[in-house]
N, C-alpha and C. Protein backbone atom coordinates (compact mmCIF):
# COMPACT_ATOMS: atom_id res chain seq x y z
N MET A 1 101.05 96.75 99.86
CA MET A 1 99.84 97.50 100.07
C MET A 1 99.37 98.15 98.75
N TRP A 2 100.32 98.67 98.01
CA TRP A 2 100.00 99.35 96.75
C TRP A 2 99.29 98.42 95.78
N TRP A 3 99.68 97.16 95.79
CA TRP A 3 99.12 96.22 94.81
C TRP A 3 97.66 95.94 95.07
N SER A 4 97.17 96.12 96.29
CA SER A 4 95.74 95.94 96.51
C SER A 4 94.95 97.05 95.80
N LEU A 5 95.52 98.24 95.70
CA LEU A 5 94.88 99.29 94.92
C LEU A 5 94.88 98.92 93.44
N ILE A 6 96.03 98.48 92.95
CA ILE A 6 96.19 98.22 91.52
C ILE A 6 95.39 97.01 91.06
N TYR A 7 95.44 95.92 91.83
CA TYR A 7 94.83 94.67 91.37
C TYR A 7 93.38 94.46 91.84
N LEU A 8 92.94 95.21 92.83
CA LEU A 8 91.57 95.03 93.31
C LEU A 8 90.69 96.23 93.00
N PHE A 9 91.10 97.39 93.45
CA PHE A 9 90.22 98.56 93.36
C PHE A 9 90.20 99.21 91.98
N ILE A 10 91.34 99.28 91.31
CA ILE A 10 91.36 99.92 90.00
C ILE A 10 90.58 99.11 88.96
N PRO A 11 90.70 97.77 88.92
CA PRO A 11 89.81 97.05 88.00
C PRO A 11 88.33 97.30 88.28
N LEU A 12 87.97 97.42 89.54
CA LEU A 12 86.57 97.76 89.86
C LEU A 12 86.21 99.14 89.33
N MET A 13 87.15 100.08 89.43
CA MET A 13 86.90 101.43 88.92
C MET A 13 86.77 101.41 87.39
N ILE A 14 87.59 100.62 86.74
CA ILE A 14 87.54 100.53 85.27
C ILE A 14 86.18 99.98 84.82
N ILE A 15 85.75 98.91 85.43
CA ILE A 15 84.47 98.30 85.06
C ILE A 15 83.31 99.22 85.42
N ARG A 16 83.42 99.89 86.56
CA ARG A 16 82.38 100.83 87.00
C ARG A 16 82.27 102.03 86.04
N SER A 17 83.37 102.35 85.37
CA SER A 17 83.38 103.46 84.41
C SER A 17 82.92 103.02 83.03
N ASN A 18 82.42 101.80 82.92
CA ASN A 18 81.90 101.24 81.66
C ASN A 18 82.95 101.12 80.56
N LEU A 19 84.21 100.89 80.94
CA LEU A 19 85.25 100.68 79.93
C LEU A 19 85.32 99.22 79.50
N GLY A 20 84.86 98.30 80.31
CA GLY A 20 84.87 96.89 79.96
C GLY A 20 86.10 96.17 80.49
N GLU A 21 86.00 94.85 80.45
CA GLU A 21 87.06 94.00 80.99
C GLU A 21 88.35 94.09 80.20
N LEU A 22 88.27 94.39 78.91
CA LEU A 22 89.46 94.49 78.09
C LEU A 22 90.40 95.59 78.60
N TRP A 23 89.82 96.67 79.09
CA TRP A 23 90.64 97.76 79.63
C TRP A 23 91.35 97.36 80.92
N VAL A 24 90.77 96.44 81.67
CA VAL A 24 91.47 95.92 82.85
C VAL A 24 92.76 95.23 82.41
N GLY A 25 92.67 94.45 81.36
CA GLY A 25 93.86 93.78 80.82
C GLY A 25 94.89 94.76 80.31
N TYR A 26 94.45 95.78 79.58
CA TYR A 26 95.37 96.81 79.10
C TYR A 26 96.08 97.48 80.26
N PHE A 27 95.30 97.82 81.29
CA PHE A 27 95.88 98.51 82.45
C PHE A 27 96.90 97.63 83.17
N LEU A 28 96.54 96.40 83.45
CA LEU A 28 97.45 95.52 84.18
C LEU A 28 98.71 95.21 83.36
N PHE A 29 98.57 95.15 82.06
CA PHE A 29 99.74 95.00 81.19
C PHE A 29 100.62 96.24 81.28
N GLY A 30 99.98 97.41 81.23
CA GLY A 30 100.73 98.66 81.31
C GLY A 30 101.46 98.84 82.62
N VAL A 31 100.85 98.38 83.71
CA VAL A 31 101.48 98.49 85.02
C VAL A 31 102.75 97.63 85.09
N ALA A 32 102.75 96.51 84.41
CA ALA A 32 103.89 95.60 84.47
C ALA A 32 105.09 96.08 83.65
N ILE A 33 104.86 96.88 82.63
CA ILE A 33 105.95 97.28 81.73
C ILE A 33 107.06 98.05 82.45
N PRO A 34 106.77 99.10 83.24
CA PRO A 34 107.86 99.78 83.93
C PRO A 34 108.62 98.87 84.90
N LEU A 35 107.91 97.94 85.51
CA LEU A 35 108.59 97.00 86.41
C LEU A 35 109.61 96.17 85.65
N ILE A 36 109.21 95.67 84.50
CA ILE A 36 110.10 94.84 83.70
C ILE A 36 111.28 95.67 83.18
N LEU A 37 111.01 96.88 82.75
CA LEU A 37 112.05 97.71 82.14
C LEU A 37 113.06 98.27 83.15
N PHE A 38 112.61 98.60 84.35
CA PHE A 38 113.46 99.38 85.24
C PHE A 38 113.95 98.68 86.51
N GLN A 39 113.38 97.56 86.90
CA GLN A 39 113.77 96.94 88.16
C GLN A 39 115.25 96.60 88.22
N TYR A 40 115.76 96.01 87.18
CA TYR A 40 117.17 95.62 87.18
C TYR A 40 118.07 96.84 87.29
N ALA A 41 117.76 97.89 86.54
CA ALA A 41 118.59 99.09 86.57
C ALA A 41 118.55 99.75 87.94
N PHE A 42 117.39 99.79 88.56
CA PHE A 42 117.29 100.39 89.89
C PHE A 42 118.00 99.54 90.93
N ALA A 43 117.94 98.22 90.80
CA ALA A 43 118.63 97.35 91.75
C ALA A 43 120.15 97.53 91.64
N LYS A 44 120.65 97.65 90.43
CA LYS A 44 122.08 97.91 90.23
C LYS A 44 122.48 99.26 90.80
N TRP A 45 121.64 100.26 90.57
CA TRP A 45 121.92 101.60 91.07
C TRP A 45 121.95 101.59 92.60
N ALA A 46 121.01 100.89 93.22
CA ALA A 46 120.97 100.82 94.68
C ALA A 46 122.21 100.13 95.22
N GLY A 47 122.71 99.13 94.52
CA GLY A 47 123.92 98.45 94.96
C GLY A 47 125.14 99.36 94.94
N LYS A 48 125.16 100.30 94.03
CA LYS A 48 126.31 101.21 93.91
C LYS A 48 126.16 102.47 94.77
N HIS A 49 124.95 102.98 94.91
CA HIS A 49 124.75 104.28 95.55
C HIS A 49 123.99 104.22 96.87
N GLY A 50 123.41 103.09 97.18
CA GLY A 50 122.69 102.96 98.44
C GLY A 50 121.18 102.85 98.26
N PHE A 51 120.57 102.21 99.22
CA PHE A 51 119.13 101.93 99.16
C PHE A 51 118.28 103.10 99.63
N LYS A 52 118.78 103.84 100.60
CA LYS A 52 117.97 104.86 101.26
C LYS A 52 117.39 105.89 100.29
N LYS A 53 118.21 106.42 99.41
CA LYS A 53 117.74 107.43 98.46
C LYS A 53 116.70 106.86 97.52
N LEU A 54 116.92 105.62 97.10
CA LEU A 54 115.97 104.97 96.19
C LEU A 54 114.62 104.74 96.89
N PHE A 55 114.66 104.34 98.16
CA PHE A 55 113.42 104.17 98.92
C PHE A 55 112.67 105.50 99.03
N LYS A 56 113.39 106.55 99.38
CA LYS A 56 112.75 107.85 99.55
C LYS A 56 112.13 108.33 98.24
N ILE A 57 112.88 108.26 97.16
CA ILE A 57 112.36 108.71 95.87
C ILE A 57 111.17 107.87 95.43
N GLY A 58 111.29 106.55 95.56
CA GLY A 58 110.23 105.65 95.13
C GLY A 58 108.93 105.87 95.86
N TYR A 59 108.97 105.91 97.18
CA TYR A 59 107.75 106.10 97.95
C TYR A 59 107.16 107.50 97.74
N PHE A 60 108.02 108.51 97.66
CA PHE A 60 107.53 109.87 97.45
C PHE A 60 106.87 110.01 96.08
N PHE A 61 107.50 109.45 95.07
CA PHE A 61 106.97 109.51 93.71
C PHE A 61 105.59 108.86 93.63
N VAL A 62 105.46 107.69 94.23
CA VAL A 62 104.18 106.98 94.21
C VAL A 62 103.12 107.74 95.00
N SER A 63 103.50 108.30 96.14
CA SER A 63 102.52 109.05 96.93
C SER A 63 102.04 110.30 96.20
N ILE A 64 102.93 111.00 95.53
CA ILE A 64 102.54 112.20 94.78
C ILE A 64 101.58 111.84 93.65
N ILE A 65 101.87 110.75 92.96
CA ILE A 65 100.97 110.33 91.88
C ILE A 65 99.61 109.94 92.42
N ALA A 66 99.57 109.23 93.55
CA ALA A 66 98.28 108.84 94.13
C ALA A 66 97.49 110.08 94.55
N PHE A 67 98.16 111.05 95.17
CA PHE A 67 97.46 112.29 95.55
C PHE A 67 96.97 113.03 94.31
N THR A 68 97.75 113.03 93.25
CA THR A 68 97.35 113.69 92.01
C THR A 68 96.10 113.03 91.42
N CYS A 69 96.03 111.71 91.50
CA CYS A 69 94.87 110.99 90.96
C CYS A 69 93.58 111.41 91.65
N PHE A 70 93.67 111.84 92.91
CA PHE A 70 92.48 112.30 93.64
C PHE A 70 91.83 113.50 92.95
N PHE A 71 92.66 114.36 92.36
CA PHE A 71 92.17 115.60 91.76
C PHE A 71 91.82 115.47 90.28
N VAL A 72 92.07 114.31 89.70
CA VAL A 72 91.83 114.09 88.28
C VAL A 72 90.52 113.33 88.11
N SER A 73 89.73 113.72 87.13
CA SER A 73 88.46 113.03 86.91
C SER A 73 88.47 112.16 85.66
N ASN A 74 89.40 112.37 84.76
CA ASN A 74 89.48 111.60 83.52
C ASN A 74 90.06 110.22 83.80
N ILE A 75 89.30 109.18 83.54
CA ILE A 75 89.71 107.81 83.84
C ILE A 75 90.99 107.42 83.09
N TYR A 76 91.12 107.87 81.86
CA TYR A 76 92.31 107.52 81.07
C TYR A 76 93.57 108.17 81.64
N PHE A 77 93.43 109.39 82.13
CA PHE A 77 94.56 110.07 82.73
C PHE A 77 94.94 109.41 84.06
N ILE A 78 93.94 109.00 84.83
CA ILE A 78 94.21 108.29 86.09
C ILE A 78 94.96 106.99 85.81
N LEU A 79 94.49 106.23 84.84
CA LEU A 79 95.16 104.97 84.51
C LEU A 79 96.59 105.22 84.04
N SER A 80 96.79 106.27 83.26
CA SER A 80 98.14 106.61 82.80
C SER A 80 99.05 107.00 83.97
N LEU A 81 98.52 107.76 84.90
CA LEU A 81 99.30 108.14 86.08
C LEU A 81 99.68 106.92 86.91
N LEU A 82 98.74 106.00 87.06
CA LEU A 82 99.04 104.80 87.85
C LEU A 82 100.06 103.91 87.16
N ILE A 83 100.04 103.88 85.84
CA ILE A 83 101.08 103.16 85.11
C ILE A 83 102.43 103.84 85.33
N LEU A 84 102.44 105.17 85.31
CA LEU A 84 103.66 105.91 85.59
C LEU A 84 104.16 105.66 87.02
N ALA A 85 103.24 105.47 87.95
CA ALA A 85 103.62 105.18 89.34
C ALA A 85 104.39 103.88 89.44
N SER A 86 104.24 103.00 88.47
CA SER A 86 104.98 101.74 88.49
C SER A 86 106.48 101.96 88.36
N VAL A 87 106.89 103.10 87.85
CA VAL A 87 108.32 103.43 87.82
C VAL A 87 108.82 103.57 89.26
N GLY A 88 108.04 104.25 90.10
CA GLY A 88 108.40 104.36 91.51
C GLY A 88 108.37 103.02 92.21
N ILE A 89 107.41 102.19 91.87
CA ILE A 89 107.33 100.85 92.47
C ILE A 89 108.53 100.00 92.03
N ALA A 90 108.98 100.21 90.80
CA ALA A 90 110.16 99.47 90.31
C ALA A 90 111.39 99.81 91.14
N MET A 91 111.42 101.01 91.70
CA MET A 91 112.53 101.39 92.58
C MET A 91 112.50 100.59 93.88
N LEU A 92 111.34 100.12 94.26
CA LEU A 92 111.15 99.48 95.56
C LEU A 92 111.10 97.97 95.48
N GLU A 93 110.49 97.44 94.45
CA GLU A 93 110.22 96.00 94.36
C GLU A 93 111.47 95.14 94.52
N SER A 94 112.46 95.41 93.74
CA SER A 94 113.64 94.53 93.75
C SER A 94 114.63 94.91 94.84
N THR A 95 114.49 96.09 95.43
CA THR A 95 115.50 96.54 96.38
C THR A 95 115.15 96.25 97.84
N THR A 96 113.88 96.08 98.16
CA THR A 96 113.52 95.89 99.57
C THR A 96 114.06 94.57 100.12
N GLU A 97 113.96 93.52 99.35
CA GLU A 97 114.47 92.23 99.83
C GLU A 97 116.00 92.22 99.88
N ALA A 98 116.64 92.84 98.92
CA ALA A 98 118.09 92.93 98.94
C ALA A 98 118.54 93.74 100.16
N TYR A 99 117.83 94.81 100.46
CA TYR A 99 118.14 95.61 101.65
C TYR A 99 117.98 94.77 102.91
N PHE A 100 116.92 94.00 102.98
CA PHE A 100 116.68 93.15 104.15
C PHE A 100 117.86 92.21 104.38
N PHE A 101 118.32 91.58 103.33
CA PHE A 101 119.44 90.64 103.49
C PHE A 101 120.75 91.36 103.80
N ASP A 102 120.91 92.59 103.34
CA ASP A 102 122.13 93.32 103.60
C ASP A 102 122.25 93.83 105.03
N ILE A 103 121.14 94.11 105.69
CA ILE A 103 121.23 94.66 107.05
C ILE A 103 121.36 93.58 108.13
N LEU A 104 121.12 92.33 107.77
CA LEU A 104 121.18 91.26 108.77
C LEU A 104 122.51 90.51 108.70
N GLU A 105 122.87 89.94 109.83
CA GLU A 105 124.03 89.06 109.87
C GLU A 105 123.66 87.74 109.21
N LYS A 106 124.66 86.96 108.86
CA LYS A 106 124.43 85.73 108.10
C LYS A 106 123.46 84.77 108.80
N ASN A 107 123.64 84.53 110.09
CA ASN A 107 122.78 83.57 110.79
C ASN A 107 121.40 84.14 111.12
N GLU A 108 121.23 85.46 111.08
CA GLU A 108 119.93 86.06 111.36
C GLU A 108 118.97 85.95 110.19
N LYS A 109 119.51 85.78 108.99
CA LYS A 109 118.68 85.76 107.78
C LYS A 109 117.61 84.67 107.86
N TYR A 110 118.01 83.50 108.30
CA TYR A 110 117.07 82.37 108.34
C TYR A 110 116.04 82.55 109.44
N ARG A 111 116.42 83.22 110.49
CA ARG A 111 115.54 83.42 111.62
C ARG A 111 114.46 84.46 111.34
N PHE A 112 114.79 85.49 110.59
CA PHE A 112 113.88 86.61 110.40
C PHE A 112 113.19 86.65 109.04
N TYR A 113 113.57 85.77 108.11
CA TYR A 113 112.98 85.85 106.78
C TYR A 113 111.48 85.51 106.79
N GLY A 114 111.08 84.55 107.58
CA GLY A 114 109.65 84.20 107.67
C GLY A 114 108.80 85.36 108.14
N PRO A 115 109.15 85.96 109.31
CA PRO A 115 108.37 87.13 109.74
C PRO A 115 108.44 88.29 108.74
N TYR A 116 109.60 88.50 108.14
CA TYR A 116 109.72 89.57 107.14
C TYR A 116 108.77 89.32 105.97
N ASN A 117 108.68 88.09 105.54
CA ASN A 117 107.87 87.75 104.38
C ASN A 117 106.37 87.92 104.65
N THR A 118 105.96 87.88 105.91
CA THR A 118 104.55 88.10 106.23
C THR A 118 104.15 89.56 106.02
N ALA A 119 105.12 90.45 105.88
CA ALA A 119 104.81 91.86 105.63
C ALA A 119 104.04 92.02 104.33
N ILE A 120 104.29 91.16 103.36
CA ILE A 120 103.58 91.22 102.08
C ILE A 120 102.09 90.97 102.32
N ASP A 121 101.78 89.92 103.05
CA ASP A 121 100.38 89.59 103.34
C ASP A 121 99.73 90.63 104.25
N ALA A 122 100.49 91.10 105.23
CA ALA A 122 99.94 92.11 106.15
C ALA A 122 99.63 93.41 105.41
N GLY A 123 100.51 93.82 104.52
CA GLY A 123 100.27 95.04 103.73
C GLY A 123 99.08 94.88 102.80
N SER A 124 98.98 93.73 102.17
CA SER A 124 97.85 93.47 101.28
C SER A 124 96.54 93.48 102.06
N PHE A 125 96.53 92.81 103.19
CA PHE A 125 95.33 92.77 104.03
C PHE A 125 94.95 94.17 104.51
N THR A 126 95.93 94.93 104.95
CA THR A 126 95.69 96.29 105.43
C THR A 126 95.11 97.17 104.33
N GLY A 127 95.71 97.09 103.15
CA GLY A 127 95.21 97.88 102.02
C GLY A 127 93.79 97.52 101.65
N LYS A 128 93.47 96.23 101.67
CA LYS A 128 92.12 95.80 101.31
C LYS A 128 91.10 96.21 102.37
N ILE A 129 91.44 96.03 103.63
CA ILE A 129 90.50 96.35 104.72
C ILE A 129 90.24 97.86 104.78
N PHE A 130 91.31 98.66 104.83
CA PHE A 130 91.12 100.11 104.92
C PHE A 130 90.46 100.66 103.67
N GLY A 131 90.85 100.14 102.50
CA GLY A 131 90.23 100.58 101.26
C GLY A 131 88.74 100.25 101.22
N SER A 132 88.40 99.04 101.64
CA SER A 132 86.99 98.62 101.65
C SER A 132 86.17 99.44 102.65
N LEU A 133 86.73 99.67 103.83
CA LEU A 133 86.02 100.47 104.82
C LEU A 133 85.82 101.91 104.33
N LEU A 134 86.81 102.44 103.66
CA LEU A 134 86.70 103.79 103.13
C LEU A 134 85.58 103.88 102.11
N LEU A 135 85.46 102.86 101.26
CA LEU A 135 84.43 102.87 100.22
C LEU A 135 83.02 102.78 100.78
N VAL A 136 82.88 102.29 101.99
CA VAL A 136 81.55 102.24 102.62
C VAL A 136 81.05 103.65 102.90
N PHE A 137 81.98 104.56 103.21
CA PHE A 137 81.58 105.90 103.65
C PHE A 137 81.87 107.02 102.65
N LEU A 138 82.86 106.83 101.78
CA LEU A 138 83.29 107.92 100.90
C LEU A 138 83.31 107.47 99.44
N PRO A 139 83.29 108.43 98.51
CA PRO A 139 83.38 108.08 97.09
C PRO A 139 84.73 107.44 96.73
N PHE A 140 84.76 106.82 95.57
CA PHE A 140 85.89 106.03 95.13
C PHE A 140 87.19 106.83 95.07
N LYS A 141 87.13 108.09 94.68
CA LYS A 141 88.35 108.87 94.50
C LYS A 141 89.13 109.05 95.80
N PHE A 142 88.49 108.88 96.94
CA PHE A 142 89.17 109.01 98.22
C PHE A 142 90.15 107.86 98.48
N LEU A 143 90.02 106.78 97.70
CA LEU A 143 91.01 105.71 97.79
C LEU A 143 92.41 106.23 97.46
N PHE A 144 92.48 107.18 96.53
CA PHE A 144 93.77 107.72 96.15
C PHE A 144 94.40 108.50 97.30
N LEU A 145 93.58 109.18 98.08
CA LEU A 145 94.11 109.86 99.27
C LEU A 145 94.61 108.85 100.30
N LEU A 146 93.85 107.78 100.48
CA LEU A 146 94.24 106.75 101.44
C LEU A 146 95.57 106.12 101.05
N PHE A 147 95.67 105.66 99.81
CA PHE A 147 96.89 104.98 99.40
C PHE A 147 98.06 105.95 99.24
N GLY A 148 97.76 107.19 98.86
CA GLY A 148 98.81 108.20 98.85
C GLY A 148 99.34 108.46 100.25
N SER A 149 98.44 108.45 101.23
CA SER A 149 98.87 108.62 102.63
C SER A 149 99.70 107.44 103.11
N PHE A 150 99.29 106.24 102.74
CA PHE A 150 100.10 105.06 103.09
C PHE A 150 101.50 105.17 102.52
N MET A 151 101.59 105.55 101.25
CA MET A 151 102.91 105.65 100.60
C MET A 151 103.72 106.81 101.18
N PHE A 152 103.04 107.89 101.56
CA PHE A 152 103.76 108.99 102.17
C PHE A 152 104.28 108.59 103.55
N LEU A 153 103.52 107.81 104.28
CA LEU A 153 103.99 107.30 105.58
C LEU A 153 105.23 106.43 105.39
N LEU A 154 105.21 105.59 104.37
CA LEU A 154 106.39 104.76 104.09
C LEU A 154 107.58 105.63 103.64
N PHE A 155 107.30 106.71 102.93
CA PHE A 155 108.35 107.67 102.58
C PHE A 155 108.99 108.23 103.85
N LEU A 156 108.18 108.60 104.83
CA LEU A 156 108.72 109.13 106.08
C LEU A 156 109.51 108.07 106.84
N ILE A 157 109.03 106.85 106.83
CA ILE A 157 109.74 105.75 107.50
C ILE A 157 111.07 105.48 106.81
N SER A 158 111.15 105.71 105.50
CA SER A 158 112.40 105.42 104.78
C SER A 158 113.55 106.32 105.22
N PHE A 159 113.26 107.42 105.91
CA PHE A 159 114.34 108.24 106.44
C PHE A 159 115.09 107.53 107.56
N LYS A 160 114.47 106.53 108.15
CA LYS A 160 115.10 105.78 109.24
C LYS A 160 115.94 104.60 108.75
N THR A 161 115.92 104.31 107.46
CA THR A 161 116.67 103.16 106.96
C THR A 161 118.16 103.46 106.94
N LYS A 162 118.94 102.40 107.04
CA LYS A 162 120.39 102.53 106.92
C LYS A 162 120.73 102.68 105.44
N ASN A 163 121.73 103.47 105.15
CA ASN A 163 122.13 103.63 103.76
C ASN A 163 123.23 102.60 103.43
N ILE A 164 122.81 101.41 103.10
CA ILE A 164 123.72 100.33 102.76
C ILE A 164 124.14 100.49 101.31
N ILE A 165 125.45 100.46 101.08
CA ILE A 165 125.98 100.50 99.73
C ILE A 165 126.75 99.21 99.53
N GLU A 166 126.22 98.33 98.68
CA GLU A 166 126.80 97.00 98.50
C GLU A 166 128.21 97.04 97.91
N SER A 167 128.48 97.97 97.03
CA SER A 167 129.79 98.00 96.38
C SER A 167 130.90 98.31 97.38
N ARG A 168 130.59 98.95 98.49
CA ARG A 168 131.59 99.25 99.54
C ARG A 168 131.80 98.05 100.46
N ARG A 169 130.87 97.12 100.51
CA ARG A 169 130.94 95.99 101.43
C ARG A 169 131.84 94.88 100.93
N LYS A 170 132.20 94.88 99.68
CA LYS A 170 132.99 93.78 99.12
C LYS A 170 134.44 93.93 99.41
């Protein structure tokens, strides 16, 4: 869901702010850097200490940054905050699929992986539809409230996850 904000709505905001297409490239490059730098470290940490804490921190961090962006008017500061939010996304990207495989039995993995994988498309579709509908009625900055609320809801849901620690399972 978060990626529909980053890859669809933020480039529109950048161009609407008269920064030009080059800034879209700078932003998308900047968003990828924390993912590249931190995903492996967070995945290793989750394997040793458990997924639940990482999920809670990641979703909460991203939601706080999205809510903060609502109150900021400087486009450069907003872009910087969203790049910083990629650190929280790095906590989630590599660990959600590992968590999925850890909570299922061996024969269940093949049965449930297809439906699980549709969550990516469903989240993207949901983010695009709700974001687009919001823009029909409210100014652009309200997108940050919407996506911050989505991430906060996922933060609350993460309290229900099992705390799987891979290093104890071996």
